[in-house]
Amino acid sequence: IPGVGHFDYGMRALRNMFDLKQLIEIIDCDDKQTLGICLGAQMMCNFSEESSQKGLGIFSANVVRFRLKDNKLKVPHMGWNTVKVKEGFKLWTEDNSNPRFYHVHSYHFEVNDASILYGTTHYGYDFPVILQDNNKFAVQFHPEKSHKFGMQILKNFAKL
């Protein structure tokens, strides 16, 4: 589920293309793999502070706006940032301890269930950027714009 833009717009687009109840059933199917990217990842959560609409509720997480205390940091968080990847993330099989990914977002995950958290980054404070629940994956960054690190994630997803 790719996405760039506003949460409401993304959810309206999904509603126009799919029966959301059926889409959620397909994503929850054990023999299917789903990867949400940036806004697509956020739409897999329960809700976003950016929106008046509910998300898909695939992940036990919400989406919140950055609450930066450092006035030197700007929102959106934009550019390359190192991600700490937790062992067991199925889409990351490399030994590199400092993978860098391209980010562009004003909102981020806030997880309700720590067992789904598989990666964090730091921008003013540490926050979640990778979620995984069995065959469902969500990344806050853009792997398609993240050179070799992002391509490795997409390659591993394709292998599943």
C-alpha atoms as a PDB file:
ATOM      1  CA  ILE A   1       0.000   0.000   0.000  1.00  0.00           C
ATOM      2  CA  PRO A   2       1.973   3.017  -1.205  1.00  0.00           C
ATOM      3  CA  GLY A   3       1.120   6.546  -0.320  1.00  0.00           C
ATOM      4  CA  VAL A   4       2.158  10.147  -0.263  1.00  0.00           C
ATOM      5  CA  GLY A   5      -0.039  12.944   0.997  1.00  0.00           C
ATOM      6  CA  HIS A   6      -2.873  13.549   3.429  1.00  0.00           C
ATOM      7  CA  PHE A   7      -4.441  10.725   5.470  1.00  0.00           C
ATOM      8  CA  ASP A   8      -8.051  11.684   4.586  1.00  0.00           C
ATOM      9  CA  TYR A   9      -7.249  11.787   0.875  1.00  0.00           C
ATOM     10  CA  GLY A  10      -5.554   8.385   1.066  1.00  0.00           C
ATOM     11  CA  MET A  11      -8.435   6.765   2.932  1.00  0.00           C
ATOM     12  CA  ARG A  12     -10.970   8.260   0.470  1.00  0.00           C
ATOM     13  CA  ALA A  13      -8.926   6.876  -2.418  1.00  0.00           C
ATOM     14  CA  LEU A  14      -8.904   3.408  -0.809  1.00  0.00           C
ATOM     15  CA  ARG A  15     -12.669   3.590  -0.237  1.00  0.00           C
ATOM     16  CA  ASN A  16     -13.201   4.528  -3.892  1.00  0.00           C
ATOM     17  CA  MET A  17     -11.119   1.567  -5.098  1.00  0.00           C
ATOM     18  CA  PHE A  18     -12.016  -1.148  -2.589  1.00  0.00           C
ATOM     19  CA  ASP A  19     -14.612  -2.403  -0.181  1.00  0.00           C
ATOM     20  CA  LEU A  20     -12.562  -1.681   2.949  1.00  0.00           C
ATOM     21  CA  LYS A  21     -13.997  -4.599   4.915  1.00  0.00           C
ATOM     22  CA  GLN A  22     -12.947  -6.968   2.129  1.00  0.00           C
ATOM     23  CA  LEU A  23      -9.527  -5.295   1.826  1.00  0.00           C
ATOM     24  CA  ILE A  24      -8.907  -5.772   5.558  1.00  0.00           C
ATOM     25  CA  GLU A  25      -9.888  -9.453   5.276  1.00  0.00           C
ATOM     26  CA  ILE A  26      -7.415  -9.905   2.400  1.00  0.00           C
ATOM     27  CA  ILE A  27      -4.603  -8.197   4.341  1.00  0.00           C
ATOM     28  CA  ASP A  28      -5.360 -10.325   7.424  1.00  0.00           C
ATOM     29  CA  CYS A  29      -5.193 -13.558   5.375  1.00  0.00           C
ATOM     30  CA  ASP A  30      -2.234 -15.658   6.559  1.00  0.00           C
ATOM     31  CA  ASP A  31      -1.007 -16.512   3.053  1.00  0.00           C
ATOM     32  CA  LYS A  32      -0.812 -12.881   1.889  1.00  0.00           C
ATOM     33  CA  GLN A  33       1.974 -10.387   2.559  1.00  0.00           C
ATOM     34  CA  THR A  34       1.271  -6.660   2.726  1.00  0.00           C
ATOM     35  CA  LEU A  35       3.724  -3.775   2.863  1.00  0.00           C
ATOM     36  CA  GLY A  36       2.576  -0.254   3.695  1.00  0.00           C
ATOM     37  CA  ILE A  37       4.919   2.564   2.711  1.00  0.00           C
ATOM     38  CA  CYS A  38       4.781   6.042   4.307  1.00  0.00           C
ATOM     39  CA  LEU A  39       1.135   7.191   4.099  1.00  0.00           C
ATOM     40  CA  GLY A  40       0.146   3.632   3.158  1.00  0.00           C
ATOM     41  CA  ALA A  41       1.775   2.444   6.389  1.00  0.00           C
ATOM     42  CA  GLN A  42      -0.030   5.111   8.389  1.00  0.00           C
ATOM     43  CA  MET A  43      -3.381   4.102   6.877  1.00  0.00           C
ATOM     44  CA  MET A  44      -2.787   0.570   8.210  1.00  0.00           C
ATOM     45  CA  CYS A  45      -3.023   2.008  11.766  1.00  0.00           C
ATOM     46  CA  ASN A  46      -6.152   2.763  13.826  1.00  0.00           C
ATOM     47  CA  PHE A  47      -6.309   6.515  13.234  1.00  0.00           C
ATOM     48  CA  SER A  48      -4.263   9.631  12.565  1.00  0.00           C
ATOM     49  CA  GLU A  49      -4.289  12.992  14.275  1.00  0.00           C
ATOM     50  CA  GLU A  50      -4.252  14.403  10.737  1.00  0.00           C
ATOM     51  CA  SER A  51      -7.632  12.890   9.945  1.00  0.00           C
ATOM     52  CA  SER A  52     -11.256  12.691  10.865  1.00  0.00           C
ATOM     53  CA  GLN A  53     -11.462   9.204   9.323  1.00  0.00           C
ATOM     54  CA  LYS A  54     -10.490   5.858  10.824  1.00  0.00           C
ATOM     55  CA  GLY A  55      -7.583   3.910   9.427  1.00  0.00           C
ATOM     56  CA  LEU A  56      -7.674   0.247   8.423  1.00  0.00           C
ATOM     57  CA  GLY A  57      -6.803  -0.928  11.961  1.00  0.00           C
ATOM     58  CA  ILE A  58      -4.330  -3.565  10.778  1.00  0.00           C
ATOM     59  CA  PHE A  59      -1.746  -2.496  13.372  1.00  0.00           C
ATOM     60  CA  SER A  60      -2.375  -1.665  17.018  1.00  0.00           C
ATOM     61  CA  ALA A  61      -0.954   1.812  16.532  1.00  0.00           C
ATOM     62  CA  ASN A  62      -2.019   5.402  15.984  1.00  0.00           C
ATOM     63  CA  VAL A  63      -0.411   8.185  13.977  1.00  0.00           C
ATOM     64  CA  VAL A  64       0.587  11.395  15.760  1.00  0.00           C
ATOM     65  CA  ARG A  65       2.131  14.698  14.692  1.00  0.00           C
ATOM     66  CA  PHE A  66       5.738  15.377  15.638  1.00  0.00           C
ATOM     67  CA  ARG A  67       6.031  17.105  18.995  1.00  0.00           C
ATOM     68  CA  LEU A  68       9.466  18.631  18.635  1.00  0.00           C
ATOM     69  CA  LYS A  69      10.947  20.651  21.474  1.00  0.00           C
ATOM     70  CA  ASP A  70      14.030  21.686  19.509  1.00  0.00           C
ATOM     71  CA  ASN A  71      13.123  24.780  17.471  1.00  0.00           C
ATOM     72  CA  LYS A  72      16.023  24.091  15.104  1.00  0.00           C
ATOM     73  CA  LEU A  73      14.290  20.952  13.809  1.00  0.00           C
ATOM     74  CA  LYS A  74      11.606  21.455  11.183  1.00  0.00           C
ATOM     75  CA  VAL A  75       8.491  19.516  10.313  1.00  0.00           C
ATOM     76  CA  PRO A  76       8.252  17.673   8.035  1.00  0.00           C
ATOM     77  CA  HIS A  77      11.093  15.351   8.925  1.00  0.00           C
ATOM     78  CA  MET A  78      12.776  15.194   5.535  1.00  0.00           C
ATOM     79  CA  GLY A  79      15.959  13.525   4.384  1.00  0.00           C
ATOM     80  CA  TRP A  80      18.169  10.558   5.173  1.00  0.00           C
ATOM     81  CA  ASN A  81      18.146   9.066   8.639  1.00  0.00           C
ATOM     82  CA  THR A  82      19.657   5.979  10.262  1.00  0.00           C
ATOM     83  CA  VAL A  83      17.212   3.318  11.429  1.00  0.00           C
ATOM     84  CA  LYS A  84      17.798   0.890  14.293  1.00  0.00           C
ATOM     85  CA  VAL A  85      16.334  -2.367  13.021  1.00  0.00           C
ATOM     86  CA  LYS A  86      15.238  -4.926  15.607  1.00  0.00           C
ATOM     87  CA  GLU A  87      16.330  -8.519  15.133  1.00  0.00           C
ATOM     88  CA  GLY A  88      13.545 -10.569  13.585  1.00  0.00           C
ATOM     89  CA  PHE A  89      12.359  -8.010  11.031  1.00  0.00           C
ATOM     90  CA  LYS A  90      11.688 -10.334   8.090  1.00  0.00           C
ATOM     91  CA  LEU A  91      12.451  -7.733   5.421  1.00  0.00           C
ATOM     92  CA  TRP A  92      15.934  -6.939   6.734  1.00  0.00           C
ATOM     93  CA  THR A  93      18.439  -9.761   6.432  1.00  0.00           C
ATOM     94  CA  GLU A  94      21.576  -7.653   6.141  1.00  0.00           C
ATOM     95  CA  ASP A  95      24.175  -7.391   8.893  1.00  0.00           C
ATOM     96  CA  ASN A  96      24.611  -3.636   8.407  1.00  0.00           C
ATOM     97  CA  SER A  97      23.918  -2.056  11.781  1.00  0.00           C
ATOM     98  CA  ASN A  98      23.339   1.453  10.413  1.00  0.00           C
ATOM     99  CA  PRO A  99      20.985   1.308   7.427  1.00  0.00           C
ATOM    100  CA  ARG A 100      19.858   4.728   6.184  1.00  0.00           C
ATOM    101  CA  PHE A 101      16.478   5.448   4.659  1.00  0.00           C
ATOM    102  CA  TYR A 102      14.825   8.482   3.092  1.00  0.00           C
ATOM    103  CA  HIS A 103      12.052  10.077   5.184  1.00  0.00           C
ATOM    104  CA  VAL A 104       9.487  12.765   4.388  1.00  0.00           C
ATOM    105  CA  HIS A 105       6.637  13.007   6.918  1.00  0.00           C
ATOM    106  CA  SER A 106       5.020  15.229   9.549  1.00  0.00           C
ATOM    107  CA  TYR A 107       3.368  12.358  11.448  1.00  0.00           C
ATOM    108  CA  HIS A 108       4.698   9.095  12.845  1.00  0.00           C
ATOM    109  CA  PHE A 109       3.559   5.861  14.471  1.00  0.00           C
ATOM    110  CA  GLU A 110       2.698   5.615  18.148  1.00  0.00           C
ATOM    111  CA  VAL A 111       2.440   1.912  18.966  1.00  0.00           C
ATOM    112  CA  ASN A 112       0.021   0.402  21.472  1.00  0.00           C
ATOM    113  CA  ASP A 113       1.685  -3.027  21.324  1.00  0.00           C
ATOM    114  CA  ALA A 114       5.496  -3.121  21.598  1.00  0.00           C
ATOM    115  CA  SER A 115       5.616  -6.592  19.997  1.00  0.00           C
ATOM    116  CA  ILE A 116       4.925  -5.050  16.558  1.00  0.00           C
ATOM    117  CA  LEU A 117       7.756  -2.486  16.795  1.00  0.00           C
ATOM    118  CA  TYR A 118      10.733  -3.502  14.623  1.00  0.00           C
ATOM    119  CA  GLY A 119      12.586  -0.268  13.971  1.00  0.00           C
ATOM    120  CA  THR A 120      13.125   3.242  15.282  1.00  0.00           C
ATOM    121  CA  THR A 121      14.874   6.395  14.197  1.00  0.00           C
ATOM    122  CA  HIS A 122      15.718   9.658  15.900  1.00  0.00           C
ATOM    123  CA  TYR A 123      14.514  13.135  14.977  1.00  0.00           C
ATOM    124  CA  GLY A 124      14.274  15.208  18.120  1.00  0.00           C
ATOM    125  CA  TYR A 125      13.351  11.974  19.902  1.00  0.00           C
ATOM    126  CA  ASP A 126      13.224   8.256  19.094  1.00  0.00           C
ATOM    127  CA  PHE A 127      10.056   7.146  17.319  1.00  0.00           C
ATOM    128  CA  PRO A 128       8.821   3.989  15.546  1.00  0.00           C
ATOM    129  CA  VAL A 129       9.379   3.642  11.798  1.00  0.00           C
ATOM    130  CA  ILE A 130       8.990  -0.121  11.213  1.00  0.00           C
ATOM    131  CA  LEU A 131       6.022  -2.268  12.221  1.00  0.00           C
ATOM    132  CA  GLN A 132       5.613  -5.998  11.650  1.00  0.00           C
ATOM    133  CA  ASP A 133       2.851  -8.400  12.580  1.00  0.00           C
ATOM    134  CA  ASN A 134       3.341 -11.833  11.009  1.00  0.00           C
ATOM    135  CA  ASN A 135       2.953 -11.193   7.270  1.00  0.00           C
ATOM    136  CA  LYS A 136       2.054  -7.490   7.557  1.00  0.00           C
ATOM    137  CA  PHE A 137       4.738  -4.810   7.342  1.00  0.00           C
ATOM    138  CA  ALA A 138       4.719  -1.017   7.580  1.00  0.00           C
ATOM    139  CA  VAL A 139       7.615   1.369   7.027  1.00  0.00           C
ATOM    140  CA  GLN A 140       7.383   5.109   7.660  1.00  0.00           C
ATOM    141  CA  PHE A 141      10.238   5.869   5.250  1.00  0.00           C
ATOM    142  CA  HIS A 142      10.429   5.469   1.471  1.00  0.00           C
ATOM    143  CA  PRO A 143      12.367   2.314   0.532  1.00  0.00           C
ATOM    144  CA  GLU A 144      11.910   3.116  -3.176  1.00  0.00           C
ATOM    145  CA  LYS A 145      13.991   6.294  -2.625  1.00  0.00           C
ATOM    146  CA  SER A 146      16.498   4.760  -0.208  1.00  0.00           C
ATOM    147  CA  HIS A 147      19.201   3.392  -2.502  1.00  0.00           C
ATOM    148  CA  LYS A 148      20.647  -0.030  -1.607  1.00  0.00           C
ATOM    149  CA  PHE A 149      19.022  -0.224   1.836  1.00  0.00           C
ATOM    150  CA  GLY A 150      15.539   0.377   0.505  1.00  0.00           C
ATOM    151  CA  MET A 151      16.073  -1.909  -2.452  1.00  0.00           C
ATOM    152  CA  GLN A 152      17.075  -4.687  -0.042  1.00  0.00           C
ATOM    153  CA  ILE A 153      13.783  -4.301   1.837  1.00  0.00           C
ATOM    154  CA  LEU A 154      11.779  -4.378  -1.410  1.00  0.00           C
ATOM    155  CA  LYS A 155      13.786  -7.354  -2.698  1.00  0.00           C
ATOM    156  CA  ASN A 156      13.167  -9.296   0.548  1.00  0.00           C
ATOM    157  CA  PHE A 157       9.457  -8.438   0.406  1.00  0.00           C
ATOM    158  CA  ALA A 158       9.279  -9.720  -3.181  1.00  0.00           C
ATOM    159  CA  LYS A 159      10.962 -12.986  -2.107  1.00  0.00           C
ATOM    160  CA  LEU A 160       8.196 -13.657   0.420  1.00  0.00           C
END
